[in-house]
Amino acid sequence: MKCQTLSHIVEFRIPGFENVHPRGYFHCLALSGKDSREWYKDFIELCSDKIGGGFFPVCRLGDGEFEFCIGKWISPAKQVNESLHGYIYRKLRDRVTHMRSHYFKLGDRLAGHYTKDEWKQNRNKAAATLREISEIGVICPNFEYDDVQFAQQYYRPMLNWFSINNIRLTERNYFSFFFIYAMMSGPDRFRLLTNRNVLVVTNFDAAKKQNIQKSLLSDGCRTVQFVNISAERTLYDTIDLSEIIHPLDIVLLGAGVGKFNIIPQLRGTNTICLDIGFIMEIYANPDIKHDKLMTRVFTVCDHEDDPVCLKS
């Protein structure tokens, strides 16, 4: 099967984040040459329209999910200012580390801990879930890049893997990874969350649950319910939604690669299900997005210190 191609490269800008991340720095692979700001607005409109309108999963795919799906280590390319000796050393070090490891583990919050055999056994589950999402929802791969090598080595292999598994990206189902971060961190989150009944599906203890609930209520949610999942073995979890009060407006999910198991189980929520990843950690600890070691791009907006401007 012919590998899919994303034939356009667009300058990546998002309304509400254009001062923090000015033009010319980020670019994104795209299906059309549409201005990324208009593309983002299309995403916001789509998500708003799907609230309470039936099961609609929105799934992020970052470098961890790329490695999980492809099933083999792909070394990063040589950095622009990196010496050849340094590059060879780093490549060999990464290869040896990968070969010695018996586990697949990713994420600052221990989003997954599986043996390599379990990783391989669940790859078909990932493909089946993403194929269904491509038909009824939205896939948001991290196909954005800047001048620093990060995950670009996965782009072509992932597009090939999509083709092999009949996962077709279209203008209807393909949006940017960082659109979710921006939507849930910037002013548009109030449009999405105000007066909504929200279900949170993630791993938590009592303190984390309280902090997430407090953050969501401060963002305007009417009610917040919770379903707890395992910290590192979510690919094998069975969730119980029997005590959840309906109707729900939005489901917020933080499950690492366990999303491939959890998302199909959320069909009965009959609404939009947003895989928000790191945003869940921001809800649990808002200060984390200002931590230089933990911060993510498009999680601190232009008017972060002006809540009146944010909500206007």
C-alpha atoms as a PDB file:
ATOM      1  CA  MET A   1       0.000   0.000   0.000  1.00  0.00           C
ATOM      2  CA  LYS A   2       1.289   3.430  -0.905  1.00  0.00           C
ATOM      3  CA  CYS A   3       2.476   5.557   2.016  1.00  0.00           C
ATOM      4  CA  GLN A   4       0.272   8.537   2.765  1.00  0.00           C
ATOM      5  CA  THR A   5       1.758  11.969   2.251  1.00  0.00           C
ATOM      6  CA  LEU A   6       1.069  15.313   3.856  1.00  0.00           C
ATOM      7  CA  SER A   7       2.014  17.468   0.909  1.00  0.00           C
ATOM      8  CA  HIS A   8       1.950  20.903   2.571  1.00  0.00           C
ATOM      9  CA  ILE A   9       4.108  22.578   5.206  1.00  0.00           C
ATOM     10  CA  VAL A  10       2.363  25.440   6.956  1.00  0.00           C
ATOM     11  CA  GLU A  11       3.776  28.111   9.235  1.00  0.00           C
ATOM     12  CA  PHE A  12       2.358  27.187  12.613  1.00  0.00           C
ATOM     13  CA  ARG A  13       0.561  29.944  14.527  1.00  0.00           C
ATOM     14  CA  ILE A  14      -2.337  29.667  16.989  1.00  0.00           C
ATOM     15  CA  PRO A  15      -4.602  32.550  18.096  1.00  0.00           C
ATOM     16  CA  GLY A  16      -3.904  33.432  21.719  1.00  0.00           C
ATOM     17  CA  PHE A  17      -0.311  32.163  21.497  1.00  0.00           C
ATOM     18  CA  GLU A  18       1.218  34.376  18.810  1.00  0.00           C
ATOM     19  CA  ASN A  19       3.342  36.453  21.179  1.00  0.00           C
ATOM     20  CA  VAL A  20       4.630  33.491  23.175  1.00  0.00           C
ATOM     21  CA  HIS A  21       5.313  31.484  19.997  1.00  0.00           C
ATOM     22  CA  PRO A  22       5.832  34.046  17.205  1.00  0.00           C
ATOM     23  CA  ARG A  23       5.597  33.319  13.506  1.00  0.00           C
ATOM     24  CA  GLY A  24       8.420  31.600  11.693  1.00  0.00           C
ATOM     25  CA  TYR A  25       9.454  29.299  14.542  1.00  0.00           C
ATOM     26  CA  PHE A  26       7.099  26.311  14.258  1.00  0.00           C
ATOM     27  CA  HIS A  27       5.946  24.534  11.109  1.00  0.00           C
ATOM     28  CA  CYS A  28       3.510  21.663  10.615  1.00  0.00           C
ATOM     29  CA  LEU A  29       2.828  18.988   8.019  1.00  0.00           C
ATOM     30  CA  ALA A  30      -0.636  19.511   6.566  1.00  0.00           C
ATOM     31  CA  LEU A  31      -3.040  18.266   3.923  1.00  0.00           C
ATOM     32  CA  SER A  32      -3.666  21.753   2.582  1.00  0.00           C
ATOM     33  CA  GLY A  33      -2.016  25.149   2.654  1.00  0.00           C
ATOM     34  CA  LYS A  34      -4.705  26.651   4.896  1.00  0.00           C
ATOM     35  CA  ASP A  35      -3.474  29.200   7.424  1.00  0.00           C
ATOM     36  CA  SER A  36      -2.902  27.366  10.711  1.00  0.00           C
ATOM     37  CA  ARG A  37      -4.997  29.970  12.551  1.00  0.00           C
ATOM     38  CA  GLU A  38      -8.006  29.104  10.392  1.00  0.00           C
ATOM     39  CA  TRP A  39      -7.236  25.413  10.790  1.00  0.00           C
ATOM     40  CA  TYR A  40      -7.255  25.882  14.557  1.00  0.00           C
ATOM     41  CA  LYS A  41     -10.584  27.722  14.416  1.00  0.00           C
ATOM     42  CA  ASP A  42     -12.024  24.799  12.435  1.00  0.00           C
ATOM     43  CA  PHE A  43     -10.865  22.491  15.230  1.00  0.00           C
ATOM     44  CA  ILE A  44     -12.505  24.616  17.925  1.00  0.00           C
ATOM     45  CA  GLU A  45     -15.768  24.739  15.981  1.00  0.00           C
ATOM     46  CA  LEU A  46     -15.717  20.989  15.434  1.00  0.00           C
ATOM     47  CA  CYS A  47     -15.084  20.212  19.109  1.00  0.00           C
ATOM     48  CA  SER A  48     -17.819  22.619  20.213  1.00  0.00           C
ATOM     49  CA  ASP A  49     -20.304  21.126  17.768  1.00  0.00           C
ATOM     50  CA  LYS A  50     -19.632  17.569  19.001  1.00  0.00           C
ATOM     51  CA  ILE A  51     -20.471  18.246  22.659  1.00  0.00           C
ATOM     52  CA  GLY A  52     -23.311  15.918  23.628  1.00  0.00           C
ATOM     53  CA  GLY A  53     -23.797  14.827  20.030  1.00  0.00           C
ATOM     54  CA  GLY A  54     -22.637  11.218  20.281  1.00  0.00           C
ATOM     55  CA  PHE A  55     -19.318   9.485  20.827  1.00  0.00           C
ATOM     56  CA  PHE A  56     -16.527  11.551  19.240  1.00  0.00           C
ATOM     57  CA  PRO A  57     -12.940  10.665  20.253  1.00  0.00           C
ATOM     58  CA  VAL A  58     -10.084  13.148  19.775  1.00  0.00           C
ATOM     59  CA  CYS A  59      -6.773  11.331  20.128  1.00  0.00           C
ATOM     60  CA  ARG A  60      -3.249  12.791  20.391  1.00  0.00           C
ATOM     61  CA  LEU A  61      -0.195  10.923  19.110  1.00  0.00           C
ATOM     62  CA  GLY A  62       3.202  12.088  20.332  1.00  0.00           C
ATOM     63  CA  ASP A  63       6.665  10.562  20.137  1.00  0.00           C
ATOM     64  CA  GLY A  64       5.799   7.947  22.765  1.00  0.00           C
ATOM     65  CA  GLU A  65       2.773   6.761  20.807  1.00  0.00           C
ATOM     66  CA  PHE A  66       4.828   6.846  17.595  1.00  0.00           C
ATOM     67  CA  GLU A  67       7.409   4.484  19.070  1.00  0.00           C
ATOM     68  CA  PHE A  68       4.693   2.294  20.539  1.00  0.00           C
ATOM     69  CA  CYS A  69       2.909   1.941  17.182  1.00  0.00           C
ATOM     70  CA  ILE A  70       5.939   1.512  14.959  1.00  0.00           C
ATOM     71  CA  GLY A  71       7.497  -1.043  17.265  1.00  0.00           C
ATOM     72  CA  LYS A  72      11.157  -0.314  16.710  1.00  0.00           C
ATOM     73  CA  TRP A  73      13.720   2.231  17.793  1.00  0.00           C
ATOM     74  CA  ILE A  74      14.469   5.001  15.321  1.00  0.00           C
ATOM     75  CA  SER A  75      17.419   7.169  16.289  1.00  0.00           C
ATOM     76  CA  PRO A  76      17.072  10.953  16.035  1.00  0.00           C
ATOM     77  CA  ALA A  77      18.773  12.692  13.143  1.00  0.00           C
ATOM     78  CA  LYS A  78      21.972  14.667  13.546  1.00  0.00           C
ATOM     79  CA  GLN A  79      21.449  18.067  15.163  1.00  0.00           C
ATOM     80  CA  VAL A  80      22.280  21.143  13.107  1.00  0.00           C
ATOM     81  CA  ASN A  81      25.218  22.168  15.321  1.00  0.00           C
ATOM     82  CA  GLU A  82      26.162  18.676  16.539  1.00  0.00           C
ATOM     83  CA  SER A  83      29.591  17.215  15.768  1.00  0.00           C
ATOM     84  CA  LEU A  84      29.702  13.936  13.865  1.00  0.00           C
ATOM     85  CA  HIS A  85      31.541  12.313  16.797  1.00  0.00           C
ATOM     86  CA  GLY A  86      28.869  13.506  19.221  1.00  0.00           C
ATOM     87  CA  TYR A  87      26.076  12.278  16.978  1.00  0.00           C
ATOM     88  CA  ILE A  88      27.598   8.799  16.567  1.00  0.00           C
ATOM     89  CA  TYR A  89      28.144   8.530  20.333  1.00  0.00           C
ATOM     90  CA  ARG A  90      24.564   9.567  21.087  1.00  0.00           C
ATOM     91  CA  LYS A  91      23.158   7.163  18.494  1.00  0.00           C
ATOM     92  CA  LEU A  92      25.130   4.202  19.864  1.00  0.00           C
ATOM     93  CA  ARG A  93      24.236   5.113  23.459  1.00  0.00           C
ATOM     94  CA  ASP A  94      20.529   5.273  22.609  1.00  0.00           C
ATOM     95  CA  ARG A  95      20.692   1.962  20.757  1.00  0.00           C
ATOM     96  CA  VAL A  96      22.445   0.148  23.620  1.00  0.00           C
ATOM     97  CA  THR A  97      20.055   1.620  26.194  1.00  0.00           C
ATOM     98  CA  HIS A  98      17.088   0.475  24.142  1.00  0.00           C
ATOM     99  CA  MET A  99      18.456  -3.052  23.652  1.00  0.00           C
ATOM    100  CA  ARG A 100      19.177  -3.485  27.364  1.00  0.00           C
ATOM    101  CA  SER A 101      15.733  -2.352  28.444  1.00  0.00           C
ATOM    102  CA  HIS A 102      13.097  -5.030  29.002  1.00  0.00           C
ATOM    103  CA  TYR A 103      10.313  -2.483  29.342  1.00  0.00           C
ATOM    104  CA  PHE A 104       8.561   0.164  27.338  1.00  0.00           C
ATOM    105  CA  LYS A 105       8.162   3.243  29.502  1.00  0.00           C
ATOM    106  CA  LEU A 106       7.253   6.785  28.529  1.00  0.00           C
ATOM    107  CA  GLY A 107       6.055  10.066  29.923  1.00  0.00           C
ATOM    108  CA  ASP A 108       7.078  12.268  32.825  1.00  0.00           C
ATOM    109  CA  ARG A 109       4.171  10.832  34.803  1.00  0.00           C
ATOM    110  CA  LEU A 110       4.927   7.133  34.132  1.00  0.00           C
ATOM    111  CA  ALA A 111       2.234   6.865  31.485  1.00  0.00           C
ATOM    112  CA  GLY A 112       3.085   3.273  30.604  1.00  0.00           C
ATOM    113  CA  HIS A 113       5.202   0.365  31.842  1.00  0.00           C
ATOM    114  CA  TYR A 114       5.010  -2.756  29.685  1.00  0.00           C
ATOM    115  CA  THR A 115       7.314  -5.562  28.617  1.00  0.00           C
ATOM    116  CA  LYS A 116       8.423  -5.530  25.017  1.00  0.00           C
ATOM    117  CA  ASP A 117       6.262  -8.607  24.349  1.00  0.00           C
ATOM    118  CA  GLU A 118       3.208  -6.809  25.788  1.00  0.00           C
ATOM    119  CA  TRP A 119       4.086  -3.800  23.681  1.00  0.00           C
ATOM    120  CA  LYS A 120       4.097  -5.944  20.524  1.00  0.00           C
ATOM    121  CA  GLN A 121       0.917  -7.804  21.498  1.00  0.00           C
ATOM    122  CA  ASN A 122      -1.007  -4.557  21.950  1.00  0.00           C
ATOM    123  CA  ARG A 123       0.096  -2.913  18.720  1.00  0.00           C
ATOM    124  CA  ASN A 124      -2.869  -4.440  16.884  1.00  0.00           C
ATOM    125  CA  LYS A 125      -5.148  -2.914  19.529  1.00  0.00           C
ATOM    126  CA  ALA A 126      -3.597   0.485  18.848  1.00  0.00           C
ATOM    127  CA  ALA A 127      -4.125   0.074  15.108  1.00  0.00           C
ATOM    128  CA  ALA A 128      -7.758  -0.999  15.534  1.00  0.00           C
ATOM    129  CA  THR A 129      -8.521   1.892  17.874  1.00  0.00           C
ATOM    130  CA  LEU A 130      -6.898   4.476  15.605  1.00  0.00           C
ATOM    131  CA  ARG A 131      -8.663   3.056  12.564  1.00  0.00           C
ATOM    132  CA  GLU A 132     -12.015   3.498  14.301  1.00  0.00           C
ATOM    133  CA  ILE A 133     -11.084   6.999  15.473  1.00  0.00           C
ATOM    134  CA  SER A 134     -10.095   7.951  11.931  1.00  0.00           C
ATOM    135  CA  GLU A 135     -13.613   6.995  10.825  1.00  0.00           C
ATOM    136  CA  ILE A 136     -15.642   8.637  13.583  1.00  0.00           C
ATOM    137  CA  GLY A 137     -13.372  11.145  15.334  1.00  0.00           C
ATOM    138  CA  VAL A 138     -10.098  13.048  15.080  1.00  0.00           C
ATOM    139  CA  ILE A 139      -6.427  12.056  15.169  1.00  0.00           C
ATOM    140  CA  CYS A 140      -3.879  14.674  16.279  1.00  0.00           C
ATOM    141  CA  PRO A 141      -0.319  13.462  15.540  1.00  0.00           C
ATOM    142  CA  ASN A 142       2.665  15.544  16.571  1.00  0.00           C
ATOM    143  CA  PHE A 143       3.789  16.443  13.057  1.00  0.00           C
ATOM    144  CA  GLU A 144       4.921  19.935  14.105  1.00  0.00           C
ATOM    145  CA  TYR A 145       8.591  20.834  14.138  1.00  0.00           C
ATOM    146  CA  ASP A 146      11.081  23.624  14.708  1.00  0.00           C
ATOM    147  CA  ASP A 147      14.836  23.941  14.200  1.00  0.00           C
ATOM    148  CA  VAL A 148      15.585  21.425  16.960  1.00  0.00           C
ATOM    149  CA  GLN A 149      15.450  17.698  16.183  1.00  0.00           C
ATOM    150  CA  PHE A 150      12.750  16.066  18.303  1.00  0.00           C
ATOM    151  CA  ALA A 151      10.515  13.458  16.652  1.00  0.00           C
ATOM    152  CA  GLN A 152      10.900  14.167  12.947  1.00  0.00           C
ATOM    153  CA  GLN A 153      12.439  10.722  12.392  1.00  0.00           C
ATOM    154  CA  TYR A 154       9.024   9.174  13.077  1.00  0.00           C
ATOM    155  CA  TYR A 155       6.989  11.102  10.516  1.00  0.00           C
ATOM    156  CA  ARG A 156       7.500   8.996   7.404  1.00  0.00           C
ATOM    157  CA  PRO A 157       7.441   5.621   9.241  1.00  0.00           C
ATOM    158  CA  MET A 158       4.219   6.643  11.007  1.00  0.00           C
ATOM    159  CA  LEU A 159       2.562   7.696   7.764  1.00  0.00           C
ATOM    160  CA  ASN A 160       3.580   4.346   6.299  1.00  0.00           C
ATOM    161  CA  TRP A 161       2.174   2.545   9.369  1.00  0.00           C
ATOM    162  CA  PHE A 162      -1.096   4.447   8.936  1.00  0.00           C
ATOM    163  CA  SER A 163      -1.322   3.250   5.336  1.00  0.00           C
ATOM    164  CA  ILE A 164      -0.541  -0.369   6.211  1.00  0.00           C
ATOM    165  CA  ASN A 165      -3.284  -0.336   8.851  1.00  0.00           C
ATOM    166  CA  ASN A 166      -5.888   1.449   6.682  1.00  0.00           C
ATOM    167  CA  ILE A 167      -5.815   4.585   8.838  1.00  0.00           C
ATOM    168  CA  ARG A 168      -6.465   7.382   6.404  1.00  0.00           C
ATOM    169  CA  LEU A 169      -5.826  11.004   7.335  1.00  0.00           C
ATOM    170  CA  THR A 170      -8.251  13.472   5.771  1.00  0.00           C
ATOM    171  CA  GLU A 171      -9.121  17.126   6.183  1.00  0.00           C
ATOM    172  CA  ARG A 172     -12.041  15.954   8.298  1.00  0.00           C
ATOM    173  CA  ASN A 173     -10.099  13.839  10.814  1.00  0.00           C
ATOM    174  CA  TYR A 174      -6.540  15.241  10.888  1.00  0.00           C
ATOM    175  CA  PHE A 175      -5.645  18.162  13.148  1.00  0.00           C
ATOM    176  CA  SER A 176      -2.552  19.341  14.988  1.00  0.00           C
ATOM    177  CA  PHE A 177      -1.353  17.772  18.236  1.00  0.00           C
ATOM    178  CA  PHE A 178      -0.854  21.216  19.755  1.00  0.00           C
ATOM    179  CA  PHE A 179      -4.394  22.356  18.966  1.00  0.00           C
ATOM    180  CA  ILE A 180      -5.528  20.329  21.987  1.00  0.00           C
ATOM    181  CA  TYR A 181      -2.924  21.919  24.251  1.00  0.00           C
ATOM    182  CA  ALA A 182      -3.834  25.409  23.035  1.00  0.00           C
ATOM    183  CA  MET A 183      -7.584  24.830  23.289  1.00  0.00           C
ATOM    184  CA  MET A 184      -7.326  23.554  26.864  1.00  0.00           C
ATOM    185  CA  SER A 185      -4.727  26.114  28.037  1.00  0.00           C
ATOM    186  CA  GLY A 186      -5.852  29.306  26.329  1.00  0.00           C
ATOM    187  CA  PRO A 187      -9.019  31.415  26.208  1.00  0.00           C
ATOM    188  CA  ASP A 188     -10.986  28.866  24.179  1.00  0.00           C
ATOM    189  CA  ARG A 189     -11.181  26.489  27.122  1.00  0.00           C
ATOM    190  CA  PHE A 190     -13.865  28.687  28.699  1.00  0.00           C
ATOM    191  CA  ARG A 191     -16.021  28.366  25.603  1.00  0.00           C
ATOM    192  CA  LEU A 192     -15.623  24.615  25.807  1.00  0.00           C
ATOM    193  CA  LEU A 193     -15.979  24.093  29.566  1.00  0.00           C
ATOM    194  CA  THR A 194     -18.355  26.752  30.902  1.00  0.00           C
ATOM    195  CA  ASN A 195     -21.512  25.171  32.361  1.00  0.00           C
ATOM    196  CA  ARG A 196     -20.467  21.703  31.176  1.00  0.00           C
ATOM    197  CA  ASN A 197     -20.809  18.356  32.915  1.00  0.00           C
ATOM    198  CA  VAL A 198     -17.340  16.823  32.700  1.00  0.00           C
ATOM    199  CA  LEU A 199     -16.025  13.316  33.255  1.00  0.00           C
ATOM    200  CA  VAL A 200     -12.304  12.929  34.055  1.00  0.00           C
ATOM    201  CA  VAL A 201     -10.690   9.572  33.291  1.00  0.00           C
ATOM    202  CA  THR A 202      -7.122   9.300  34.591  1.00  0.00           C
ATOM    203  CA  ASN A 203      -5.038   7.913  37.426  1.00  0.00           C
ATOM    204  CA  PHE A 204      -5.293   9.910  40.637  1.00  0.00           C
ATOM    205  CA  ASP A 205      -5.034   9.879  44.398  1.00  0.00           C
ATOM    206  CA  ALA A 206      -7.241  11.969  46.694  1.00  0.00           C
ATOM    207  CA  ALA A 207      -5.075  15.090  46.449  1.00  0.00           C
ATOM    208  CA  LYS A 208      -4.770  14.959  42.659  1.00  0.00           C
ATOM    209  CA  LYS A 209      -8.507  14.412  42.299  1.00  0.00           C
ATOM    210  CA  GLN A 210      -9.246  17.425  44.497  1.00  0.00           C
ATOM    211  CA  ASN A 211      -6.816  19.636  42.561  1.00  0.00           C
ATOM    212  CA  ILE A 212      -8.194  18.625  39.154  1.00  0.00           C
ATOM    213  CA  GLN A 213     -11.748  19.219  40.325  1.00  0.00           C
ATOM    214  CA  LYS A 214     -10.842  22.638  41.737  1.00  0.00           C
ATOM    215  CA  SER A 215      -9.130  23.669  38.482  1.00  0.00           C
ATOM    216  CA  LEU A 216     -12.009  22.531  36.285  1.00  0.00           C
ATOM    217  CA  LEU A 217     -14.635  24.222  38.432  1.00  0.00           C
ATOM    218  CA  SER A 218     -12.608  27.434  38.307  1.00  0.00           C
ATOM    219  CA  ASP A 219     -12.664  27.131  34.507  1.00  0.00           C
ATOM    220  CA  GLY A 220     -16.456  27.141  34.616  1.00  0.00           C
ATOM    221  CA  CYS A 221     -17.469  23.469  34.668  1.00  0.00           C
ATOM    222  CA  ARG A 222     -20.879  22.764  36.209  1.00  0.00           C
ATOM    223  CA  THR A 223     -20.021  19.284  37.528  1.00  0.00           C
ATOM    224  CA  VAL A 224     -16.913  17.090  37.538  1.00  0.00           C
ATOM    225  CA  GLN A 225     -17.041  13.298  37.888  1.00  0.00           C
ATOM    226  CA  PHE A 226     -14.109  10.880  37.967  1.00  0.00           C
ATOM    227  CA  VAL A 227     -13.116   7.388  36.873  1.00  0.00           C
ATOM    228  CA  ASN A 228      -9.786   6.126  38.206  1.00  0.00           C
ATOM    229  CA  ILE A 229      -7.457   4.024  36.062  1.00  0.00           C
ATOM    230  CA  SER A 230      -4.141   2.329  36.802  1.00  0.00           C
ATOM    231  CA  ALA A 231      -0.928   4.313  36.801  1.00  0.00           C
ATOM    232  CA  GLU A 232       1.172   2.148  34.489  1.00  0.00           C
ATOM    233  CA  ARG A 233      -0.955  -0.746  33.172  1.00  0.00           C
ATOM    234  CA  THR A 234      -3.857   1.044  31.540  1.00  0.00           C
ATOM    235  CA  LEU A 235      -3.676  -1.113  28.410  1.00  0.00           C
ATOM    236  CA  TYR A 236      -5.227  -3.858  30.550  1.00  0.00           C
ATOM    237  CA  ASP A 237      -7.810  -1.821  32.486  1.00  0.00           C
ATOM    238  CA  THR A 238     -11.558  -2.362  32.307  1.00  0.00           C
ATOM    239  CA  ILE A 239     -13.407   0.769  33.399  1.00  0.00           C
ATOM    240  CA  ASP A 240     -16.801   0.943  35.077  1.00  0.00           C
ATOM    241  CA  LEU A 241     -19.138   3.732  33.979  1.00  0.00           C
ATOM    242  CA  SER A 242     -22.239   2.341  35.702  1.00  0.00           C
ATOM    243  CA  GLU A 243     -22.305   4.988  38.449  1.00  0.00           C
ATOM    244  CA  ILE A 244     -21.666   7.965  36.179  1.00  0.00           C
ATOM    245  CA  ILE A 245     -24.512  10.485  36.082  1.00  0.00           C
ATOM    246  CA  HIS A 246     -25.660  11.393  32.585  1.00  0.00           C
ATOM    247  CA  PRO A 247     -25.856  13.384  30.428  1.00  0.00           C
ATOM    248  CA  LEU A 248     -22.197  14.209  30.006  1.00  0.00           C
ATOM    249  CA  ASP A 249     -20.888  17.070  27.907  1.00  0.00           C
ATOM    250  CA  ILE A 250     -17.176  16.342  27.767  1.00  0.00           C
ATOM    251  CA  VAL A 251     -14.816  13.517  28.738  1.00  0.00           C
ATOM    252  CA  LEU A 252     -11.211  14.453  29.542  1.00  0.00           C
ATOM    253  CA  LEU A 253      -8.756  11.571  29.279  1.00  0.00           C
ATOM    254  CA  GLY A 254      -5.190  11.153  30.499  1.00  0.00           C
ATOM    255  CA  ALA A 255      -4.046   7.565  29.986  1.00  0.00           C
ATOM    256  CA  GLY A 256      -0.728   7.473  28.118  1.00  0.00           C
ATOM    257  CA  VAL A 257      -0.596   4.687  25.544  1.00  0.00           C
ATOM    258  CA  GLY A 258      -3.387   3.061  27.544  1.00  0.00           C
ATOM    259  CA  LYS A 259      -5.670   5.350  25.533  1.00  0.00           C
ATOM    260  CA  PHE A 260      -5.784   2.634  22.867  1.00  0.00           C
ATOM    261  CA  ASN A 261      -7.632   0.445  25.372  1.00  0.00           C
ATOM    262  CA  ILE A 262      -9.632   3.097  27.235  1.00  0.00           C
ATOM    263  CA  ILE A 263     -11.037   5.167  24.351  1.00  0.00           C
ATOM    264  CA  PRO A 264     -13.232   2.360  22.906  1.00  0.00           C
ATOM    265  CA  GLN A 265     -14.671   1.803  26.400  1.00  0.00           C
ATOM    266  CA  LEU A 266     -15.898   5.412  26.493  1.00  0.00           C
ATOM    267  CA  ARG A 267     -18.394   4.925  23.661  1.00  0.00           C
ATOM    268  CA  GLY A 268     -21.269   4.905  26.157  1.00  0.00           C
ATOM    269  CA  THR A 269     -20.532   8.476  27.228  1.00  0.00           C
ATOM    270  CA  ASN A 270     -22.171   9.651  23.959  1.00  0.00           C
ATOM    271  CA  THR A 271     -20.111  12.814  23.714  1.00  0.00           C
ATOM    272  CA  ILE A 272     -16.739  14.227  22.782  1.00  0.00           C
ATOM    273  CA  CYS A 273     -13.770  12.523  24.467  1.00  0.00           C
ATOM    274  CA  LEU A 274     -10.610  14.646  24.537  1.00  0.00           C
ATOM    275  CA  ASP A 275      -7.263  12.948  25.081  1.00  0.00           C
ATOM    276  CA  ILE A 276      -5.569  15.888  26.819  1.00  0.00           C
ATOM    277  CA  GLY A 277      -2.384  14.253  28.135  1.00  0.00           C
ATOM    278  CA  PHE A 278      -0.086  16.781  29.846  1.00  0.00           C
ATOM    279  CA  ILE A 279      -2.975  19.201  30.321  1.00  0.00           C
ATOM    280  CA  MET A 280      -4.270  16.804  32.975  1.00  0.00           C
ATOM    281  CA  GLU A 281      -1.081  17.385  34.937  1.00  0.00           C
ATOM    282  CA  ILE A 282      -1.582  21.133  34.615  1.00  0.00           C
ATOM    283  CA  TYR A 283      -5.061  20.774  36.075  1.00  0.00           C
ATOM    284  CA  ALA A 284      -3.546  18.791  38.932  1.00  0.00           C
ATOM    285  CA  ASN A 285      -0.743  21.326  39.447  1.00  0.00           C
ATOM    286  CA  PRO A 286      -1.105  24.622  37.526  1.00  0.00           C
ATOM    287  CA  ASP A 287       2.413  25.748  38.485  1.00  0.00           C
ATOM    288  CA  ILE A 288       3.922  22.905  36.467  1.00  0.00           C
ATOM    289  CA  LYS A 289       3.561  24.734  33.163  1.00  0.00           C
ATOM    290  CA  HIS A 290       6.001  27.387  34.402  1.00  0.00           C
ATOM    291  CA  ASP A 291       8.590  24.763  35.384  1.00  0.00           C
ATOM    292  CA  LYS A 292      11.358  24.949  32.759  1.00  0.00           C
ATOM    293  CA  LEU A 293      12.016  21.212  33.063  1.00  0.00           C
ATOM    294  CA  MET A 294       8.374  20.217  32.656  1.00  0.00           C
ATOM    295  CA  THR A 295       6.734  22.877  30.512  1.00  0.00           C
ATOM    296  CA  ARG A 296       5.247  22.184  27.076  1.00  0.00           C
ATOM    297  CA  VAL A 297       4.809  24.561  24.170  1.00  0.00           C
ATOM    298  CA  PHE A 298       1.325  26.030  23.669  1.00  0.00           C
ATOM    299  CA  THR A 299       0.387  25.622  27.329  1.00  0.00           C
ATOM    300  CA  VAL A 300       1.197  29.225  28.366  1.00  0.00           C
ATOM    301  CA  CYS A 301      -0.835  31.734  26.370  1.00  0.00           C
ATOM    302  CA  ASP A 302      -0.255  35.404  25.540  1.00  0.00           C
ATOM    303  CA  HIS A 303      -2.456  36.766  28.348  1.00  0.00           C
ATOM    304  CA  GLU A 304      -1.684  34.228  31.040  1.00  0.00           C
ATOM    305  CA  ASP A 305      -1.625  36.857  33.808  1.00  0.00           C
ATOM    306  CA  ASP A 306      -4.833  38.588  32.712  1.00  0.00           C
ATOM    307  CA  PRO A 307      -7.857  36.373  33.497  1.00  0.00           C
ATOM    308  CA  VAL A 308     -10.268  39.097  32.411  1.00  0.00           C
ATOM    309  CA  CYS A 309      -8.663  39.193  28.973  1.00  0.00           C
ATOM    310  CA  LEU A 310      -8.598  35.405  28.872  1.00  0.00           C
ATOM    311  CA  LYS A 311     -12.329  35.088  29.429  1.00  0.00           C
ATOM    312  CA  SER A 312     -13.345  37.980  27.208  1.00  0.00           C
END
